[in-house]
Amino acid sequence: MPNIASILKAEISRVARKEVRAEIETLKKASVVHRSSIAELRRQVNALEKELRRVAKGASRPTPAPDSGDETSGGTKRRFSPTRLAAHRAKLGLSAASYGQLVGVSGQTIYHWEQGKARPRAAQLESLATVRDVGARDIEARLATR
């Protein structure tokens, strides 16, 4: 009798191992599929983050495309620097409003230009260039007549 019991026990454990092995194989295959899909999703996320950084970096740069045609048709191409504008205004000792009167814009526009929040158009760049070429006495005279 003990012989039959041990044989039966061995056969049951063999069949159980066979069933467990079959179940584990299906789980391994599913795990491989899930891991590959996770890896693909990570690659997509990385590519999208990289694209987002590139677009954000491009959006923070000023785009001179619309005004560039006007600048080149006018002859010389003018450059603009917010810090130089602020330095020139400080050198003259003028408020943003009075400097804006010379250029033909508001004082708030001058502040935006100096902070880099906005850029002057081609015609305004020409006005800025003429103001830079004029001396301090002439500027005082121009402001006195306005």
C-alpha atoms as a PDB file:
ATOM      1  CA  MET A   1       0.000   0.000   0.000  1.00  0.00           C
ATOM      2  CA  PRO A   2       2.652   2.530   0.820  1.00  0.00           C
ATOM      3  CA  ASN A   3       4.092   1.907  -2.630  1.00  0.00           C
ATOM      4  CA  ILE A   4       0.852   2.962  -4.364  1.00  0.00           C
ATOM      5  CA  ALA A   5       0.585   6.065  -2.188  1.00  0.00           C
ATOM      6  CA  SER A   6       4.101   7.198  -3.021  1.00  0.00           C
ATOM      7  CA  ILE A   7       3.580   6.473  -6.738  1.00  0.00           C
ATOM      8  CA  LEU A   8       0.321   8.406  -6.691  1.00  0.00           C
ATOM      9  CA  LYS A   9       1.982  11.296  -4.862  1.00  0.00           C
ATOM     10  CA  ALA A  10       4.866  11.395  -7.373  1.00  0.00           C
ATOM     11  CA  GLU A  11       2.447  11.325 -10.314  1.00  0.00           C
ATOM     12  CA  ILE A  12       0.348  14.142  -8.862  1.00  0.00           C
ATOM     13  CA  SER A  13       3.411  16.326  -8.298  1.00  0.00           C
ATOM     14  CA  ARG A  14       4.666  15.586 -11.847  1.00  0.00           C
ATOM     15  CA  VAL A  15       1.343  16.595 -13.389  1.00  0.00           C
ATOM     16  CA  ALA A  16       1.189  19.682 -11.168  1.00  0.00           C
ATOM     17  CA  ARG A  17       4.704  20.729 -12.274  1.00  0.00           C
ATOM     18  CA  LYS A  18       3.690  20.241 -15.895  1.00  0.00           C
ATOM     19  CA  GLU A  19       0.594  22.418 -15.451  1.00  0.00           C
ATOM     20  CA  VAL A  20       2.529  25.107 -13.573  1.00  0.00           C
ATOM     21  CA  ARG A  21       5.224  25.117 -16.268  1.00  0.00           C
ATOM     22  CA  ALA A  22       2.597  25.657 -18.985  1.00  0.00           C
ATOM     23  CA  GLU A  23       1.043  28.554 -17.028  1.00  0.00           C
ATOM     24  CA  ILE A  24       4.446  30.121 -16.370  1.00  0.00           C
ATOM     25  CA  GLU A  25       5.311  29.981 -20.091  1.00  0.00           C
ATOM     26  CA  THR A  26       2.192  31.985 -21.005  1.00  0.00           C
ATOM     27  CA  LEU A  27       2.985  34.496 -18.247  1.00  0.00           C
ATOM     28  CA  LYS A  28       6.570  34.845 -19.503  1.00  0.00           C
ATOM     29  CA  LYS A  29       5.341  35.519 -23.040  1.00  0.00           C
ATOM     30  CA  ALA A  30       2.890  38.140 -21.774  1.00  0.00           C
ATOM     31  CA  SER A  31       5.648  39.707 -19.672  1.00  0.00           C
ATOM     32  CA  VAL A  32       7.947  39.983 -22.714  1.00  0.00           C
ATOM     33  CA  VAL A  33       5.175  41.645 -24.731  1.00  0.00           C
ATOM     34  CA  HIS A  34       4.422  44.103 -21.922  1.00  0.00           C
ATOM     35  CA  ARG A  35       8.092  44.969 -21.414  1.00  0.00           C
ATOM     36  CA  SER A  36       8.597  45.678 -25.104  1.00  0.00           C
ATOM     37  CA  SER A  37       5.491  47.869 -25.231  1.00  0.00           C
ATOM     38  CA  ILE A  38       6.685  49.750 -22.126  1.00  0.00           C
ATOM     39  CA  ALA A  39      10.081  50.299 -23.744  1.00  0.00           C
ATOM     40  CA  GLU A  40       8.414  51.602 -26.915  1.00  0.00           C
ATOM     41  CA  LEU A  41       6.243  53.981 -24.883  1.00  0.00           C
ATOM     42  CA  ARG A  42       9.314  55.271 -23.028  1.00  0.00           C
ATOM     43  CA  ARG A  43      11.044  55.956 -26.348  1.00  0.00           C
ATOM     44  CA  GLN A  44       7.978  57.846 -27.553  1.00  0.00           C
ATOM     45  CA  VAL A  45       7.820  59.910 -24.339  1.00  0.00           C
ATOM     46  CA  ASN A  46      11.518  60.780 -24.626  1.00  0.00           C
ATOM     47  CA  ALA A  47      11.089  61.798 -28.261  1.00  0.00           C
ATOM     48  CA  LEU A  48       8.071  63.958 -27.407  1.00  0.00           C
ATOM     49  CA  GLU A  49       9.880  65.612 -24.496  1.00  0.00           C
ATOM     50  CA  LYS A  50      12.829  66.345 -26.760  1.00  0.00           C
ATOM     51  CA  GLU A  51      10.499  67.849 -29.377  1.00  0.00           C
ATOM     52  CA  LEU A  52       8.764  69.911 -26.693  1.00  0.00           C
ATOM     53  CA  ARG A  53      12.080  71.299 -25.464  1.00  0.00           C
ATOM     54  CA  ARG A  54      13.072  72.161 -29.029  1.00  0.00           C
ATOM     55  CA  VAL A  55       9.768  73.923 -29.695  1.00  0.00           C
ATOM     56  CA  ALA A  56       9.877  75.766 -26.370  1.00  0.00           C
ATOM     57  CA  LYS A  57      13.426  76.871 -27.060  1.00  0.00           C
ATOM     58  CA  GLY A  58      12.437  78.077 -30.536  1.00  0.00           C
ATOM     59  CA  ALA A  59       9.387  79.899 -29.187  1.00  0.00           C
ATOM     60  CA  SER A  60      11.446  81.809 -26.630  1.00  0.00           C
ATOM     61  CA  ARG A  61      13.663  83.185 -29.371  1.00  0.00           C
ATOM     62  CA  PRO A  62      12.396  86.242 -31.193  1.00  0.00           C
ATOM     63  CA  THR A  63      11.360  85.507 -34.749  1.00  0.00           C
ATOM     64  CA  PRO A  64      12.493  88.296 -37.073  1.00  0.00           C
ATOM     65  CA  ALA A  65      10.967  86.652 -40.169  1.00  0.00           C
ATOM     66  CA  PRO A  66       8.079  89.140 -40.784  1.00  0.00           C
ATOM     67  CA  ASP A  67      10.240  92.238 -40.333  1.00  0.00           C
ATOM     68  CA  SER A  68      13.374  90.928 -42.033  1.00  0.00           C
ATOM     69  CA  GLY A  69      12.027  91.665 -45.518  1.00  0.00           C
ATOM     70  CA  ASP A  70      11.292  95.252 -44.556  1.00  0.00           C
ATOM     71  CA  GLU A  71      14.736  95.727 -43.040  1.00  0.00           C
ATOM     72  CA  THR A  72      16.630  94.476 -46.050  1.00  0.00           C
ATOM     73  CA  SER A  73      14.544  96.510 -48.482  1.00  0.00           C
ATOM     74  CA  GLY A  74      15.344  99.683 -46.499  1.00  0.00           C
ATOM     75  CA  GLY A  75      19.059  99.289 -47.117  1.00  0.00           C
ATOM     76  CA  THR A  76      21.054  98.641 -43.956  1.00  0.00           C
ATOM     77  CA  LYS A  77      19.914  96.004 -41.538  1.00  0.00           C
ATOM     78  CA  ARG A  78      19.509  97.387 -38.021  1.00  0.00           C
ATOM     79  CA  ARG A  79      20.287  95.429 -34.883  1.00  0.00           C
ATOM     80  CA  PHE A  80      18.465  95.902 -31.602  1.00  0.00           C
ATOM     81  CA  SER A  81      19.678  95.372 -28.055  1.00  0.00           C
ATOM     82  CA  PRO A  82      17.398  95.965 -25.066  1.00  0.00           C
ATOM     83  CA  THR A  83      20.337  96.667 -22.753  1.00  0.00           C
ATOM     84  CA  ARG A  84      21.811  99.244 -25.121  1.00  0.00           C
ATOM     85  CA  LEU A  85      18.461 100.992 -25.398  1.00  0.00           C
ATOM     86  CA  ALA A  86      18.216 101.189 -21.600  1.00  0.00           C
ATOM     87  CA  ALA A  87      21.806 102.400 -21.355  1.00  0.00           C
ATOM     88  CA  HIS A  88      21.253 105.111 -23.982  1.00  0.00           C
ATOM     89  CA  ARG A  89      18.090 106.310 -22.257  1.00  0.00           C
ATOM     90  CA  ALA A  90      19.889 106.360 -18.888  1.00  0.00           C
ATOM     91  CA  LYS A  91      22.835 108.214 -20.428  1.00  0.00           C
ATOM     92  CA  LEU A  92      20.505 110.908 -21.684  1.00  0.00           C
ATOM     93  CA  GLY A  93      18.675 110.981 -18.354  1.00  0.00           C
ATOM     94  CA  LEU A  94      15.270 110.663 -20.002  1.00  0.00           C
ATOM     95  CA  SER A  95      12.151 108.954 -18.769  1.00  0.00           C
ATOM     96  CA  ALA A  96      10.661 106.194 -20.841  1.00  0.00           C
ATOM     97  CA  ALA A  97       7.752 108.451 -21.783  1.00  0.00           C
ATOM     98  CA  SER A  98       9.974 111.262 -23.068  1.00  0.00           C
ATOM     99  CA  TYR A  99      12.247 108.808 -24.895  1.00  0.00           C
ATOM    100  CA  GLY A 100       9.105 107.289 -26.394  1.00  0.00           C
ATOM    101  CA  GLN A 101       8.043 110.738 -27.655  1.00  0.00           C
ATOM    102  CA  LEU A 102      11.316 111.039 -29.519  1.00  0.00           C
ATOM    103  CA  VAL A 103      10.864 107.633 -31.146  1.00  0.00           C
ATOM    104  CA  GLY A 104       7.141 108.006 -31.686  1.00  0.00           C
ATOM    105  CA  VAL A 105       5.897 105.297 -29.313  1.00  0.00           C
ATOM    106  CA  SER A 106       4.553 105.186 -25.765  1.00  0.00           C
ATOM    107  CA  GLY A 107       6.658 104.944 -22.639  1.00  0.00           C
ATOM    108  CA  GLN A 108       5.215 101.512 -21.940  1.00  0.00           C
ATOM    109  CA  THR A 109       6.523 100.320 -25.299  1.00  0.00           C
ATOM    110  CA  ILE A 110       9.991 101.555 -24.346  1.00  0.00           C
ATOM    111  CA  TYR A 111       9.770  99.562 -21.102  1.00  0.00           C
ATOM    112  CA  HIS A 112       8.731  96.438 -23.005  1.00  0.00           C
ATOM    113  CA  TRP A 113      11.620  96.864 -25.432  1.00  0.00           C
ATOM    114  CA  GLU A 114      14.102  97.315 -22.584  1.00  0.00           C
ATOM    115  CA  GLN A 115      12.822  94.216 -20.776  1.00  0.00           C
ATOM    116  CA  GLY A 116      12.935  92.145 -23.957  1.00  0.00           C
ATOM    117  CA  LYS A 117       9.191  91.456 -23.904  1.00  0.00           C
ATOM    118  CA  ALA A 118       8.791  93.017 -27.350  1.00  0.00           C
ATOM    119  CA  ARG A 119      10.943  94.050 -30.288  1.00  0.00           C
ATOM    120  CA  PRO A 120      10.636  97.187 -32.410  1.00  0.00           C
ATOM    121  CA  ARG A 121       9.519  96.942 -36.018  1.00  0.00           C
ATOM    122  CA  ALA A 122      11.753  98.026 -38.892  1.00  0.00           C
ATOM    123  CA  ALA A 123      10.337 101.574 -39.024  1.00  0.00           C
ATOM    124  CA  GLN A 124      10.759 101.915 -35.268  1.00  0.00           C
ATOM    125  CA  LEU A 125      14.337 100.660 -35.534  1.00  0.00           C
ATOM    126  CA  GLU A 126      15.006 103.485 -37.973  1.00  0.00           C
ATOM    127  CA  SER A 127      13.507 105.976 -35.492  1.00  0.00           C
ATOM    128  CA  LEU A 128      15.698 104.568 -32.743  1.00  0.00           C
ATOM    129  CA  ALA A 129      18.752 104.914 -34.984  1.00  0.00           C
ATOM    130  CA  THR A 130      17.972 108.565 -35.705  1.00  0.00           C
ATOM    131  CA  VAL A 131      17.537 109.275 -31.976  1.00  0.00           C
ATOM    132  CA  ARG A 132      20.904 107.640 -31.270  1.00  0.00           C
ATOM    133  CA  ASP A 133      22.566 109.831 -33.896  1.00  0.00           C
ATOM    134  CA  VAL A 134      21.156 113.053 -32.446  1.00  0.00           C
ATOM    135  CA  GLY A 135      23.062 114.865 -29.698  1.00  0.00           C
ATOM    136  CA  ALA A 136      21.801 115.573 -26.197  1.00  0.00           C
ATOM    137  CA  ARG A 137      21.181 119.285 -26.914  1.00  0.00           C
ATOM    138  CA  ASP A 138      19.135 118.510 -30.003  1.00  0.00           C
ATOM    139  CA  ILE A 139      17.110 115.985 -28.030  1.00  0.00           C
ATOM    140  CA  GLU A 140      16.328 118.599 -25.372  1.00  0.00           C
ATOM    141  CA  ALA A 141      15.280 120.997 -28.114  1.00  0.00           C
ATOM    142  CA  ARG A 142      13.027 118.390 -29.714  1.00  0.00           C
ATOM    143  CA  LEU A 143      11.374 117.602 -26.397  1.00  0.00           C
ATOM    144  CA  ALA A 144      10.875 121.290 -25.650  1.00  0.00           C
ATOM    145  CA  THR A 145       9.000 121.795 -28.936  1.00  0.00           C
ATOM    146  CA  ARG A 146       6.623 118.903 -28.276  1.00  0.00           C
END
